[in-house]
C-alpha atoms as a PDB file:
ATOM      1  CA  MET A   1      48.019  26.084 127.859  1.00  0.00           C
ATOM      2  CA  LYS A   2      50.792  28.683 128.805  1.00  0.00           C
ATOM      3  CA  ILE A   3      52.745  28.759 125.864  1.00  0.00           C
ATOM      4  CA  ILE A   4      55.820  31.453 125.053  1.00  0.00           C
ATOM      5  CA  VAL A   5      56.356  32.816 121.821  1.00  0.00           C
ATOM      6  CA  LEU A   6      60.100  32.735 121.108  1.00  0.00           C
ATOM      7  CA  ALA A   7      61.374  35.239 118.695  1.00  0.00           C
ATOM      8  CA  GLY A   8      64.034  37.763 117.783  1.00  0.00           C
ATOM      9  CA  GLY A   9      67.651  36.469 118.403  1.00  0.00           C
ATOM     10  CA  LEU A  10      70.477  37.422 116.535  1.00  0.00           C
ATOM     11  CA  SER A  11      69.466  36.392 112.773  1.00  0.00           C
ATOM     12  CA  THR A  12      69.782  38.549 109.880  1.00  0.00           C
ATOM     13  CA  GLU A  13      65.843  38.041 109.679  1.00  0.00           C
ATOM     14  CA  ARG A  14      65.246  39.145 113.973  1.00  0.00           C
ATOM     15  CA  ASP A  15      62.500  42.082 112.497  1.00  0.00           C
ATOM     16  CA  VAL A  16      60.586  39.454 110.159  1.00  0.00           C
ATOM     17  CA  SER A  17      60.482  36.887 113.528  1.00  0.00           C
ATOM     18  CA  LEU A  18      59.179  39.379 115.866  1.00  0.00           C
ATOM     19  CA  SER A  19      57.214  40.290 113.590  1.00  0.00           C
ATOM     20  CA  SER A  20      55.649  36.721 112.757  1.00  0.00           C
ATOM     21  CA  ALA A  21      56.042  36.034 116.338  1.00  0.00           C
ATOM     22  CA  ALA A  22      53.793  38.727 117.190  1.00  0.00           C
ATOM     23  CA  GLY A  23      51.243  37.696 115.304  1.00  0.00           C
ATOM     24  CA  ILE A  24      50.903  33.869 116.681  1.00  0.00           C
ATOM     25  CA  CYS A  25      51.131  35.453 120.073  1.00  0.00           C
ATOM     26  CA  ARG A  26      48.314  37.429 119.245  1.00  0.00           C
ATOM     27  CA  THR A  27      46.106  34.824 118.206  1.00  0.00           C
ATOM     28  CA  LEU A  28      47.186  32.457 120.563  1.00  0.00           C
ATOM     29  CA  VAL A  29      45.411  34.782 123.378  1.00  0.00           C
ATOM     30  CA  GLU A  30      42.071  34.864 121.113  1.00  0.00           C
ATOM     31  CA  LYS A  31      42.142  31.345 121.136  1.00  0.00           C
ATOM     32  CA  GLY A  32      42.215  31.284 124.832  1.00  0.00           C
ATOM     33  CA  HIS A  33      45.985  30.526 125.566  1.00  0.00           C
ATOM     34  CA  ASP A  34      48.020  32.269 128.192  1.00  0.00           C
ATOM     35  CA  ALA A  35      50.908  33.554 125.434  1.00  0.00           C
ATOM     36  CA  PHE A  36      53.592  35.806 126.279  1.00  0.00           C
ATOM     37  CA  LEU A  37      56.028  36.885 123.306  1.00  0.00           C
ATOM     38  CA  LEU A  38      59.523  36.749 124.492  1.00  0.00           C
ATOM     39  CA  ASP A  39      62.849  37.792 122.414  1.00  0.00           C
ATOM     40  CA  VAL A  40      65.108  34.994 122.688  1.00  0.00           C
ATOM     41  CA  PHE A  41      68.428  37.151 122.944  1.00  0.00           C
ATOM     42  CA  MET A  42      67.018  39.971 124.970  1.00  0.00           C
ATOM     43  CA  GLY A  43      64.999  38.018 127.528  1.00  0.00           C
ATOM     44  CA  LEU A  44      62.836  39.431 130.032  1.00  0.00           C
ATOM     45  CA  GLU A  45      65.444  41.090 132.671  1.00  0.00           C
ATOM     46  CA  ASN A  46      62.983  42.614 135.318  1.00  0.00           C
ATOM     47  CA  ALA A  47      60.289  39.565 135.125  1.00  0.00           C
ATOM     48  CA  PRO A  48      58.010  39.191 137.885  1.00  0.00           C
ATOM     49  CA  GLU A  49      59.533  37.450 141.181  1.00  0.00           C
ATOM     50  CA  ASN A  50      57.024  34.685 140.667  1.00  0.00           C
ATOM     51  CA  LEU A  51      58.044  33.816 137.229  1.00  0.00           C
ATOM     52  CA  GLU A  52      54.741  31.641 136.289  1.00  0.00           C
ATOM     53  CA  ASP A  53      52.862  35.233 136.345  1.00  0.00           C
ATOM     54  CA  VAL A  54      54.416  36.396 132.860  1.00  0.00           C
ATOM     55  CA  PHE A  55      51.886  33.883 131.620  1.00  0.00           C
ATOM     56  CA  THR A  56      48.788  36.229 132.663  1.00  0.00           C
ATOM     57  CA  LEU A  57      50.620  39.820 131.989  1.00  0.00           C
ATOM     58  CA  PRO A  58      48.067  42.020 130.052  1.00  0.00           C
ATOM     59  CA  ASP A  59      50.567  43.215 127.545  1.00  0.00           C
ATOM     60  CA  HIS A  60      51.510  39.230 126.820  1.00  0.00           C
ATOM     61  CA  GLY A  61      55.157  40.823 126.085  1.00  0.00           C
ATOM     62  CA  LEU A  62      53.895  42.604 122.495  1.00  0.00           C
ATOM     63  CA  GLU A  63      55.294  45.642 123.982  1.00  0.00           C
ATOM     64  CA  ILE A  64      58.666  44.701 122.397  1.00  0.00           C
ATOM     65  CA  VAL A  65      57.457  44.833 118.946  1.00  0.00           C
ATOM     66  CA  LYS A  66      59.221  46.897 116.364  1.00  0.00           C
ATOM     67  CA  ASN A  67      58.576  48.337 112.576  1.00  0.00           C
ATOM     68  CA  ILE A  68      59.788  46.110 109.766  1.00  0.00           C
ATOM     69  CA  SER A  69      62.334  48.011 108.447  1.00  0.00           C
ATOM     70  CA  THR A  70      63.650  46.878 104.440  1.00  0.00           C
ATOM     71  CA  GLU A  71      67.155  46.922 105.393  1.00  0.00           C
ATOM     72  CA  GLU A  72      68.362  44.169 107.490  1.00  0.00           C
ATOM     73  CA  PRO A  73      68.658  44.880 111.378  1.00  0.00           C
ATOM     74  CA  ASP A  74      72.169  46.209 112.521  1.00  0.00           C
ATOM     75  CA  LEU A  75      72.810  42.994 114.636  1.00  0.00           C
ATOM     76  CA  GLU A  76      75.981  44.792 116.489  1.00  0.00           C
ATOM     77  CA  ALA A  77      73.350  47.598 117.565  1.00  0.00           C
ATOM     78  CA  VAL A  78      70.882  44.548 119.134  1.00  0.00           C
ATOM     79  CA  LYS A  79      74.129  43.215 121.012  1.00  0.00           C
ATOM     80  CA  ALA A  80      74.978  46.580 122.394  1.00  0.00           C
ATOM     81  CA  SER A  81      71.489  47.604 123.509  1.00  0.00           C
ATOM     82  CA  ARG A  82      71.122  44.088 125.662  1.00  0.00           C
ATOM     83  CA  PRO A  83      71.210  45.641 129.947  1.00  0.00           C
ATOM     84  CA  ASP A  84      73.546  42.754 130.982  1.00  0.00           C
ATOM     85  CA  GLN A  85      75.986  42.978 127.912  1.00  0.00           C
ATOM     86  CA  SER A  86      75.979  38.863 128.177  1.00  0.00           C
ATOM     87  CA  ASP A  87      77.176  36.791 125.167  1.00  0.00           C
ATOM     88  CA  CYS A  88      75.029  34.359 125.937  1.00  0.00           C
ATOM     89  CA  PHE A  89      72.650  33.712 123.415  1.00  0.00           C
ATOM     90  CA  PHE A  90      69.897  33.400 125.664  1.00  0.00           C
ATOM     91  CA  GLY A  91      68.930  36.340 127.274  1.00  0.00           C
ATOM     92  CA  PRO A  92      67.368  36.655 130.949  1.00  0.00           C
ATOM     93  CA  ASN A  93      64.833  33.938 132.261  1.00  0.00           C
ATOM     94  CA  VAL A  94      64.599  32.690 128.591  1.00  0.00           C
ATOM     95  CA  ILE A  95      65.066  28.863 129.441  1.00  0.00           C
ATOM     96  CA  GLU A  96      63.319  28.987 133.084  1.00  0.00           C
ATOM     97  CA  LEU A  97      60.309  30.906 131.368  1.00  0.00           C
ATOM     98  CA  CYS A  98      60.244  28.049 128.483  1.00  0.00           C
ATOM     99  CA  ARG A  99      60.613  25.419 130.994  1.00  0.00           C
ATOM    100  CA  LEU A 100      57.656  26.316 132.606  1.00  0.00           C
ATOM    101  CA  ALA A 101      55.598  26.220 129.620  1.00  0.00           C
ATOM    102  CA  ASP A 102      53.396  24.037 128.274  1.00  0.00           C
ATOM    103  CA  ILE A 103      55.312  24.463 124.990  1.00  0.00           C
ATOM    104  CA  THR A 104      57.487  27.208 123.242  1.00  0.00           C
ATOM    105  CA  PHE A 105      56.148  28.493 119.762  1.00  0.00           C
ATOM    106  CA  LEU A 106      59.188  28.951 117.910  1.00  0.00           C
ATOM    107  CA  GLY A 107      58.633  32.729 115.455  1.00  0.00           C
ATOM    108  CA  LEU A 108      62.219  32.807 115.033  1.00  0.00           C
ATOM    109  CA  HIS A 109      63.315  32.711 111.183  1.00  0.00           C
ATOM    110  CA  GLY A 110      67.264  31.946 110.074  1.00  0.00           C
ATOM    111  CA  GLY A 111      70.515  31.490 112.432  1.00  0.00           C
ATOM    112  CA  GLU A 112      70.597  29.489 115.376  1.00  0.00           C
ATOM    113  CA  GLY A 113      66.937  29.671 115.681  1.00  0.00           C
ATOM    114  CA  GLU A 114      66.464  27.847 112.339  1.00  0.00           C
ATOM    115  CA  ASN A 115      69.399  25.591 112.609  1.00  0.00           C
ATOM    116  CA  GLY A 116      68.717  22.946 114.639  1.00  0.00           C
ATOM    117  CA  LYS A 117      71.419  23.893 117.557  1.00  0.00           C
ATOM    118  CA  LEU A 118      68.697  25.975 119.458  1.00  0.00           C
ATOM    119  CA  GLN A 119      66.363  22.428 118.742  1.00  0.00           C
ATOM    120  CA  ALA A 120      68.904  20.607 120.068  1.00  0.00           C
ATOM    121  CA  SER A 121      69.365  22.699 123.383  1.00  0.00           C
ATOM    122  CA  PHE A 122      65.757  22.473 124.186  1.00  0.00           C
ATOM    123  CA  ASP A 123      66.061  18.564 123.549  1.00  0.00           C
ATOM    124  CA  LEU A 124      68.480  18.562 126.197  1.00  0.00           C
ATOM    125  CA  LEU A 125      66.951  20.703 128.415  1.00  0.00           C
ATOM    126  CA  GLY A 126      64.092  19.241 128.132  1.00  0.00           C
ATOM    127  CA  ILE A 127      61.911  21.940 126.486  1.00  0.00           C
ATOM    128  CA  LYS A 128      59.095  21.515 124.436  1.00  0.00           C
ATOM    129  CA  TYR A 129      59.225  23.019 121.235  1.00  0.00           C
ATOM    130  CA  THR A 130      57.327  23.522 117.563  1.00  0.00           C
ATOM    131  CA  GLY A 131      58.526  22.763 113.778  1.00  0.00           C
ATOM    132  CA  PRO A 132      61.203  20.381 112.821  1.00  0.00           C
ATOM    133  CA  ASP A 133      63.678  18.853 115.325  1.00  0.00           C
ATOM    134  CA  SER A 134      67.198  19.769 115.277  1.00  0.00           C
ATOM    135  CA  LEU A 135      68.187  17.023 112.161  1.00  0.00           C
ATOM    136  CA  GLY A 136      65.763  17.986 109.796  1.00  0.00           C
ATOM    137  CA  CYS A 137      66.346  21.948 110.177  1.00  0.00           C
ATOM    138  CA  ALA A 138      70.223  21.634 110.416  1.00  0.00           C
ATOM    139  CA  VAL A 139      70.306  19.698 107.269  1.00  0.00           C
ATOM    140  CA  ALA A 140      67.734  22.003 105.326  1.00  0.00           C
ATOM    141  CA  MET A 141      69.359  25.520 106.616  1.00  0.00           C
ATOM    142  CA  HIS A 142      72.683  24.684 105.101  1.00  0.00           C
ATOM    143  CA  LYS A 143      71.987  24.995 100.891  1.00  0.00           C
ATOM    144  CA  GLY A 144      74.946  23.662  99.902  1.00  0.00           C
ATOM    145  CA  VAL A 145      74.078  20.183 102.022  1.00  0.00           C
ATOM    146  CA  ALA A 146      70.287  20.508 101.231  1.00  0.00           C
ATOM    147  CA  LYS A 147      71.464  20.484  97.449  1.00  0.00           C
ATOM    148  CA  GLN A 148      73.185  17.574  97.446  1.00  0.00           C
ATOM    149  CA  ILE A 149      70.823  15.842  98.902  1.00  0.00           C
ATOM    150  CA  PHE A 150      67.814  16.622  96.720  1.00  0.00           C
ATOM    151  CA  LEU A 151      69.623  16.026  93.518  1.00  0.00           C
ATOM    152  CA  GLU A 152      70.506  12.590  95.122  1.00  0.00           C
ATOM    153  CA  SER A 153      66.771  12.187  96.300  1.00  0.00           C
ATOM    154  CA  GLY A 154      65.218  13.149  92.604  1.00  0.00           C
ATOM    155  CA  VAL A 155      64.117  16.522  93.994  1.00  0.00           C
ATOM    156  CA  ASP A 156      64.600  18.810  91.045  1.00  0.00           C
ATOM    157  CA  THR A 157      67.104  21.377  91.733  1.00  0.00           C
ATOM    158  CA  PRO A 158      69.329  24.071  90.225  1.00  0.00           C
ATOM    159  CA  GLY A 159      72.869  22.761  89.812  1.00  0.00           C
ATOM    160  CA  GLY A 160      75.891  24.179  90.777  1.00  0.00           C
ATOM    161  CA  GLY A 161      78.181  23.642  94.154  1.00  0.00           C
ATOM    162  CA  THR A 162      79.409  25.767  97.253  1.00  0.00           C
ATOM    163  CA  ILE A 163      82.867  27.820  97.529  1.00  0.00           C
ATOM    164  CA  TYR A 164      84.693  28.855 100.351  1.00  0.00           C
ATOM    165  CA  LYS A 165      86.072  32.514 101.337  1.00  0.00           C
ATOM    166  CA  ASN A 166      89.552  30.680 102.159  1.00  0.00           C
ATOM    167  CA  SER A 167      90.027  28.443  98.715  1.00  0.00           C
ATOM    168  CA  GLU A 168      91.872  29.537  95.690  1.00  0.00           C
ATOM    169  CA  ASP A 169      89.661  28.878  93.037  1.00  0.00           C
ATOM    170  CA  GLN A 170      86.435  30.998  93.535  1.00  0.00           C
ATOM    171  CA  SER A 171      84.883  30.974  89.987  1.00  0.00           C
ATOM    172  CA  TYR A 172      81.722  29.843  88.990  1.00  0.00           C
ATOM    173  CA  GLN A 173      83.731  27.803  86.463  1.00  0.00           C
ATOM    174  CA  SER A 174      84.503  25.823  88.441  1.00  0.00           C
ATOM    175  CA  LEU A 175      81.199  24.153  89.258  1.00  0.00           C
ATOM    176  CA  GLY A 176      80.873  24.116  85.243  1.00  0.00           C
ATOM    177  CA  LEU A 177      78.621  26.790  85.171  1.00  0.00           C
ATOM    178  CA  THR A 178      78.546  30.102  82.995  1.00  0.00           C
ATOM    179  CA  LEU A 179      76.793  33.427  83.472  1.00  0.00           C
ATOM    180  CA  PRO A 180      74.318  34.481  84.427  1.00  0.00           C
ATOM    181  CA  VAL A 181      74.390  32.833  88.057  1.00  0.00           C
ATOM    182  CA  VAL A 182      72.816  32.971  91.624  1.00  0.00           C
ATOM    183  CA  VAL A 183      75.365  33.986  94.464  1.00  0.00           C
ATOM    184  CA  LYS A 184      73.828  33.293  97.948  1.00  0.00           C
ATOM    185  CA  PRO A 185      74.972  32.403 101.644  1.00  0.00           C
ATOM    186  CA  CYS A 186      74.468  29.108 102.065  1.00  0.00           C
ATOM    187  CA  SER A 187      72.795  29.266 105.983  1.00  0.00           C
ATOM    188  CA  GLY A 188      71.294  32.792 104.966  1.00  0.00           C
ATOM    189  CA  GLY A 189      67.497  33.476 104.585  1.00  0.00           C
ATOM    190  CA  SER A 190      64.812  36.135 103.349  1.00  0.00           C
ATOM    191  CA  SER A 191      66.829  36.582 100.437  1.00  0.00           C
ATOM    192  CA  ILE A 192      69.331  38.671 102.397  1.00  0.00           C
ATOM    193  CA  GLY A 193      72.819  38.500 100.742  1.00  0.00           C
ATOM    194  CA  VAL A 194      71.294  37.023  97.409  1.00  0.00           C
ATOM    195  CA  TYR A 195      72.978  38.184  94.339  1.00  0.00           C
ATOM    196  CA  ILE A 196      71.844  37.469  90.250  1.00  0.00           C
ATOM    197  CA  VAL A 197      74.839  38.251  88.360  1.00  0.00           C
ATOM    198  CA  ASN A 198      75.536  38.678  84.550  1.00  0.00           C
ATOM    199  CA  THR A 199      79.490  39.815  84.277  1.00  0.00           C
ATOM    200  CA  ASP A 200      82.492  38.673  85.530  1.00  0.00           C
ATOM    201  CA  GLU A 201      82.781  42.090  87.369  1.00  0.00           C
ATOM    202  CA  GLU A 202      79.256  41.967  88.858  1.00  0.00           C
ATOM    203  CA  TYR A 203      80.416  38.483  90.005  1.00  0.00           C
ATOM    204  CA  ALA A 204      83.510  39.346  92.151  1.00  0.00           C
ATOM    205  CA  GLU A 205      81.191  42.168  93.904  1.00  0.00           C
ATOM    206  CA  ALA A 206      78.805  39.560  94.699  1.00  0.00           C
ATOM    207  CA  LEU A 207      81.440  37.169  96.097  1.00  0.00           C
ATOM    208  CA  LYS A 208      82.493  40.477  98.526  1.00  0.00           C
ATOM    209  CA  LYS A 209      79.191  41.276  99.554  1.00  0.00           C
ATOM    210  CA  SER A 210      78.028  37.610 100.664  1.00  0.00           C
ATOM    211  CA  PHE A 211      81.098  36.551 101.934  1.00  0.00           C
ATOM    212  CA  ARG A 212      80.362  39.083 104.688  1.00  0.00           C
ATOM    213  CA  TYR A 213      77.548  37.115 106.071  1.00  0.00           C
ATOM    214  CA  GLU A 214      79.477  33.441 105.924  1.00  0.00           C
ATOM    215  CA  ASP A 215      82.497  31.551 104.980  1.00  0.00           C
ATOM    216  CA  GLU A 216      80.446  29.477 102.508  1.00  0.00           C
ATOM    217  CA  LEU A 217      78.544  30.465  99.764  1.00  0.00           C
ATOM    218  CA  VAL A 218      76.361  28.197  96.824  1.00  0.00           C
ATOM    219  CA  VAL A 219      76.572  29.491  92.928  1.00  0.00           C
ATOM    220  CA  GLU A 220      73.885  27.711  91.023  1.00  0.00           C
ATOM    221  CA  PRO A 221      72.938  28.811  87.737  1.00  0.00           C
ATOM    222  CA  TYR A 222      70.120  31.769  87.080  1.00  0.00           C
ATOM    223  CA  ILE A 223      66.791  30.439  86.098  1.00  0.00           C
ATOM    224  CA  LYS A 224      64.311  32.848  84.621  1.00  0.00           C
ATOM    225  CA  GLY A 225      61.113  31.715  85.447  1.00  0.00           C
ATOM    226  CA  ARG A 226      57.725  32.182  87.686  1.00  0.00           C
ATOM    227  CA  GLU A 227      58.528  31.833  91.665  1.00  0.00           C
ATOM    228  CA  PHE A 228      55.963  29.779  93.653  1.00  0.00           C
ATOM    229  CA  ALA A 229      55.422  28.567  97.167  1.00  0.00           C
ATOM    230  CA  CYS A 230      54.143  25.052  98.699  1.00  0.00           C
ATOM    231  CA  GLY A 231      53.743  24.779 102.682  1.00  0.00           C
ATOM    232  CA  ILE A 232      53.562  21.094 103.747  1.00  0.00           C
ATOM    233  CA  ILE A 233      52.171  20.463 107.271  1.00  0.00           C
ATOM    234  CA  ASP A 234      51.954  16.986 108.925  1.00  0.00           C
ATOM    235  CA  GLY A 235      53.263  15.269 105.710  1.00  0.00           C
ATOM    236  CA  THR A 236      50.461  16.918 103.425  1.00  0.00           C
ATOM    237  CA  ALA A 237      50.996  19.209 101.154  1.00  0.00           C
ATOM    238  CA  LEU A 238      48.858  22.758 100.414  1.00  0.00           C
ATOM    239  CA  PRO A 239      47.879  24.293  97.409  1.00  0.00           C
ATOM    240  CA  PRO A 240      50.691  26.660  96.118  1.00  0.00           C
ATOM    241  CA  ILE A 241      50.978  30.250  95.662  1.00  0.00           C
ATOM    242  CA  GLU A 242      52.403  32.513  93.347  1.00  0.00           C
ATOM    243  CA  ILE A 243      54.832  35.525  94.392  1.00  0.00           C
ATOM    244  CA  ILE A 244      54.610  37.749  91.332  1.00  0.00           C
ATOM    245  CA  PRO A 245      57.206  41.103  92.491  1.00  0.00           C
ATOM    246  CA  LYS A 246      56.292  44.286  90.952  1.00  0.00           C
ATOM    247  CA  THR A 247      60.136  44.531  90.088  1.00  0.00           C
ATOM    248  CA  GLY A 248      63.132  42.205  90.643  1.00  0.00           C
ATOM    249  CA  PHE A 249      63.275  39.047  92.423  1.00  0.00           C
ATOM    250  CA  PHE A 250      61.290  38.160  95.543  1.00  0.00           C
ATOM    251  CA  ASP A 251      64.273  39.627  97.524  1.00  0.00           C
ATOM    252  CA  TYR A 252      64.262  41.376 101.550  1.00  0.00           C
ATOM    253  CA  ALA A 253      62.444  44.227 100.259  1.00  0.00           C
ATOM    254  CA  ASN A 254      59.961  42.666  98.553  1.00  0.00           C
ATOM    255  CA  LYS A 255      59.022  39.871 101.203  1.00  0.00           C
ATOM    256  CA  TYR A 256      58.380  42.840 104.204  1.00  0.00           C
ATOM    257  CA  GLN A 257      57.596  46.255 101.809  1.00  0.00           C
ATOM    258  CA  ASP A 258      53.649  46.294 101.899  1.00  0.00           C
ATOM    259  CA  GLY A 259      52.164  46.683  97.890  1.00  0.00           C
ATOM    260  CA  ALA A 260      55.920  45.125  96.618  1.00  0.00           C
ATOM    261  CA  THR A 261      54.034  41.976  95.539  1.00  0.00           C
ATOM    262  CA  SER A 262      51.378  40.259  94.389  1.00  0.00           C
ATOM    263  CA  GLU A 263      50.437  36.941  96.255  1.00  0.00           C
ATOM    264  CA  VAL A 264      48.056  34.163  93.775  1.00  0.00           C
ATOM    265  CA  CYS A 265      46.792  31.362  95.618  1.00  0.00           C
ATOM    266  CA  PRO A 266      45.301  29.065  94.718  1.00  0.00           C
ATOM    267  CA  ALA A 267      48.513  29.586  92.164  1.00  0.00           C
ATOM    268  CA  ASP A 268      47.032  30.116  88.283  1.00  0.00           C
ATOM    269  CA  ILE A 269      48.943  27.250  86.853  1.00  0.00           C
ATOM    270  CA  PRO A 270      47.441  23.988  85.566  1.00  0.00           C
ATOM    271  CA  GLU A 271      46.725  21.168  88.040  1.00  0.00           C
ATOM    272  CA  GLU A 272      49.388  18.904  86.595  1.00  0.00           C
ATOM    273  CA  VAL A 273      51.790  21.566  87.452  1.00  0.00           C
ATOM    274  CA  ALA A 274      50.563  22.171  91.147  1.00  0.00           C
ATOM    275  CA  GLU A 275      50.273  18.361  91.618  1.00  0.00           C
ATOM    276  CA  ARG A 276      53.960  17.832  90.413  1.00  0.00           C
ATOM    277  CA  MET A 277      54.795  21.083  93.197  1.00  0.00           C
ATOM    278  CA  LYS A 278      52.879  19.255  95.950  1.00  0.00           C
ATOM    279  CA  GLU A 279      54.904  16.157  95.347  1.00  0.00           C
ATOM    280  CA  LEU A 280      58.013  17.545  95.139  1.00  0.00           C
ATOM    281  CA  THR A 281      57.209  19.421  98.444  1.00  0.00           C
ATOM    282  CA  VAL A 282      56.612  16.106 100.178  1.00  0.00           C
ATOM    283  CA  LYS A 283      59.908  14.768  98.404  1.00  0.00           C
ATOM    284  CA  ALA A 284      61.905  17.097  99.985  1.00  0.00           C
ATOM    285  CA  PHE A 285      60.171  17.081 103.013  1.00  0.00           C
ATOM    286  CA  ASN A 286      60.933  13.341 103.729  1.00  0.00           C
ATOM    287  CA  ALA A 287      64.470  13.591 102.298  1.00  0.00           C
ATOM    288  CA  LEU A 288      65.739  16.528 104.448  1.00  0.00           C
ATOM    289  CA  LYS A 289      64.081  14.573 107.491  1.00  0.00           C
ATOM    290  CA  LEU A 290      61.867  16.842 108.423  1.00  0.00           C
ATOM    291  CA  ASN A 291      58.604  16.560 110.470  1.00  0.00           C
ATOM    292  CA  VAL A 292      55.904  18.900 111.406  1.00  0.00           C
ATOM    293  CA  TYR A 293      55.404  21.812 108.852  1.00  0.00           C
ATOM    294  CA  SER A 294      57.728  23.683 106.351  1.00  0.00           C
ATOM    295  CA  ARG A 295      57.691  25.567 103.089  1.00  0.00           C
ATOM    296  CA  ALA A 296      59.196  24.900  99.944  1.00  0.00           C
ATOM    297  CA  ASP A 297      60.355  27.900  97.597  1.00  0.00           C
ATOM    298  CA  PHE A 298      59.777  26.382  93.540  1.00  0.00           C
ATOM    299  CA  LEU A 299      61.209  28.102  90.448  1.00  0.00           C
ATOM    300  CA  LEU A 300      58.468  27.261  87.018  1.00  0.00           C
ATOM    301  CA  ASP A 301      60.642  28.050  83.968  1.00  0.00           C
ATOM    302  CA  ALA A 302      59.361  28.572  80.518  1.00  0.00           C
ATOM    303  CA  GLU A 303      59.799  25.486  79.231  1.00  0.00           C
ATOM    304  CA  GLY A 304      57.768  24.192  82.594  1.00  0.00           C
ATOM    305  CA  ASN A 305      60.545  22.347  84.718  1.00  0.00           C
ATOM    306  CA  LEU A 306      60.088  23.227  88.551  1.00  0.00           C
ATOM    307  CA  PHE A 307      62.798  23.682  90.601  1.00  0.00           C
ATOM    308  CA  CYS A 308      62.659  23.205  93.951  1.00  0.00           C
ATOM    309  CA  LEU A 309      65.173  25.873  95.740  1.00  0.00           C
ATOM    310  CA  GLU A 310      65.268  25.261  99.342  1.00  0.00           C
ATOM    311  CA  MET A 311      62.854  24.161 102.467  1.00  0.00           C
ATOM    312  CA  ASN A 312      61.940  26.816 104.887  1.00  0.00           C
ATOM    313  CA  THR A 313      61.841  25.030 108.015  1.00  0.00           C
ATOM    314  CA  LEU A 314      60.413  28.054 110.450  1.00  0.00           C
ATOM    315  CA  PRO A 315      58.648  29.828 107.456  1.00  0.00           C
ATOM    316  CA  GLY A 316      56.979  32.951 107.994  1.00  0.00           C
ATOM    317  CA  MET A 317      54.101  33.490 110.295  1.00  0.00           C
ATOM    318  CA  THR A 318      52.037  36.090 109.869  1.00  0.00           C
ATOM    319  CA  SER A 319      48.408  36.392 109.151  1.00  0.00           C
ATOM    320  CA  ALA A 320      49.528  37.861 105.820  1.00  0.00           C
ATOM    321  CA  SER A 321      52.717  34.944 105.321  1.00  0.00           C
ATOM    322  CA  LEU A 322      52.919  32.752 102.122  1.00  0.00           C
ATOM    323  CA  LEU A 323      52.326  29.670 104.703  1.00  0.00           C
ATOM    324  CA  PRO A 324      49.053  30.575 106.602  1.00  0.00           C
ATOM    325  CA  LYS A 325      47.494  32.422 102.784  1.00  0.00           C
ATOM    326  CA  GLU A 326      47.740  28.901 101.433  1.00  0.00           C
ATOM    327  CA  ALA A 327      46.379  27.140 104.636  1.00  0.00           C
ATOM    328  CA  LYS A 328      43.404  29.286 104.463  1.00  0.00           C
ATOM    329  CA  VAL A 329      42.489  28.233 100.583  1.00  0.00           C
ATOM    330  CA  TYR A 330      43.051  24.761 102.039  1.00  0.00           C
ATOM    331  CA  GLY A 331      40.351  25.597 104.914  1.00  0.00           C
ATOM    332  CA  ILE A 332      42.072  26.503 107.895  1.00  0.00           C
ATOM    333  CA  GLU A 333      42.165  29.720 109.395  1.00  0.00           C
ATOM    334  CA  TYR A 334      45.191  31.016 110.974  1.00  0.00           C
ATOM    335  CA  GLY A 335      44.700  30.809 114.465  1.00  0.00           C
ATOM    336  CA  ASP A 336      43.488  27.089 113.794  1.00  0.00           C
ATOM    337  CA  LEU A 337      46.841  26.806 111.811  1.00  0.00           C
ATOM    338  CA  CYS A 338      48.852  28.043 115.052  1.00  0.00           C
ATOM    339  CA  GLU A 339      46.840  25.426 116.788  1.00  0.00           C
ATOM    340  CA  LEU A 340      47.228  22.771 114.746  1.00  0.00           C
ATOM    341  CA  ILE A 341      50.940  23.312 114.489  1.00  0.00           C
ATOM    342  CA  ILE A 342      51.054  22.771 118.245  1.00  0.00           C
ATOM    343  CA  LYS A 343      49.205  19.922 118.068  1.00  0.00           C
ATOM    344  CA  LYS A 344      51.534  17.948 115.293  1.00  0.00           C
ATOM    345  CA  SER A 345      54.707  18.879 117.374  1.00  0.00           C
ATOM    346  CA  MET A 346      53.355  17.169 120.463  1.00  0.00           C
ATOM    347  CA  GLU A 347      52.112  14.298 118.475  1.00  0.00           C
ATOM    348  CA  ALA A 348      55.745  14.300 116.508  1.00  0.00           C
ATOM    349  CA  ARG A 349      57.934  13.943 119.735  1.00  0.00           C
ATOM    350  CA  TYR A 350      56.109  14.055 122.843  1.00  0.00           C
END
């Protein structure tokens, strides 16, 4: 197949996306596909005269991959580095190349790549793509909306609610909460802008920092517990994986800094807890109108209560990422997982 692997963009998870997409592209090439890695924002300015030739270029576009930093990217610098200085989200030749491909594998994370806007655009342009469709992505990406759906659908999740940058009352007390609480952007990812606060002073500072990312924040009770993830493919939940950060919680640095966390799959938990987590994953997946694949994040407190924090509609996809590790335990190797996602995406919509 001719496959464009789309990455980058203007999300705070830009660098993570490039890493995921590079892994996807390499394994698809190894599987015999004509795959090409493409930055959705930077595009391919110096493309061959015959665009079809892109799919057989020897470097497969992999020269754009950079090392992942433990700091979020400088998006203004990214914008300034684009040669044509266009404000269009799609870089030069992106739409044309995606239309030429048999399918576009979405290696994007966060922002316009994961909030349903790109998926809706591709639907209108007749471009085939992997992963959930626009409705599921839009609903899942907005943590405030997803929380309300979870609460109404019987998916155990922390309480709390949303506050707004221009609202008069931004207090946690207005949401019926007491300290400690968690403050996070409504539509962010990779734990960027997420703060655990224990005092009123810390709360005020967390609001100030998180509002730099978005005008709407989620505030919820802090739940001390073990961290887990549970992937799902085509309605089937995978074996849960436990994430054990060496310090703090599973934030941006701990996610992408080598050796910062231990990950255990299958998770060392009682079978009934694992089954309950898988059931909640399927329930959350269906409640948010998702399809193809996703990954749920969970907390398990000392009393054995499970809380679904969110669903990631385009989870990390390097061979060392959480979902591929779960899939391997389930019996699906990394390259086969990438091909399975393509197959199920085609079956779901085309």
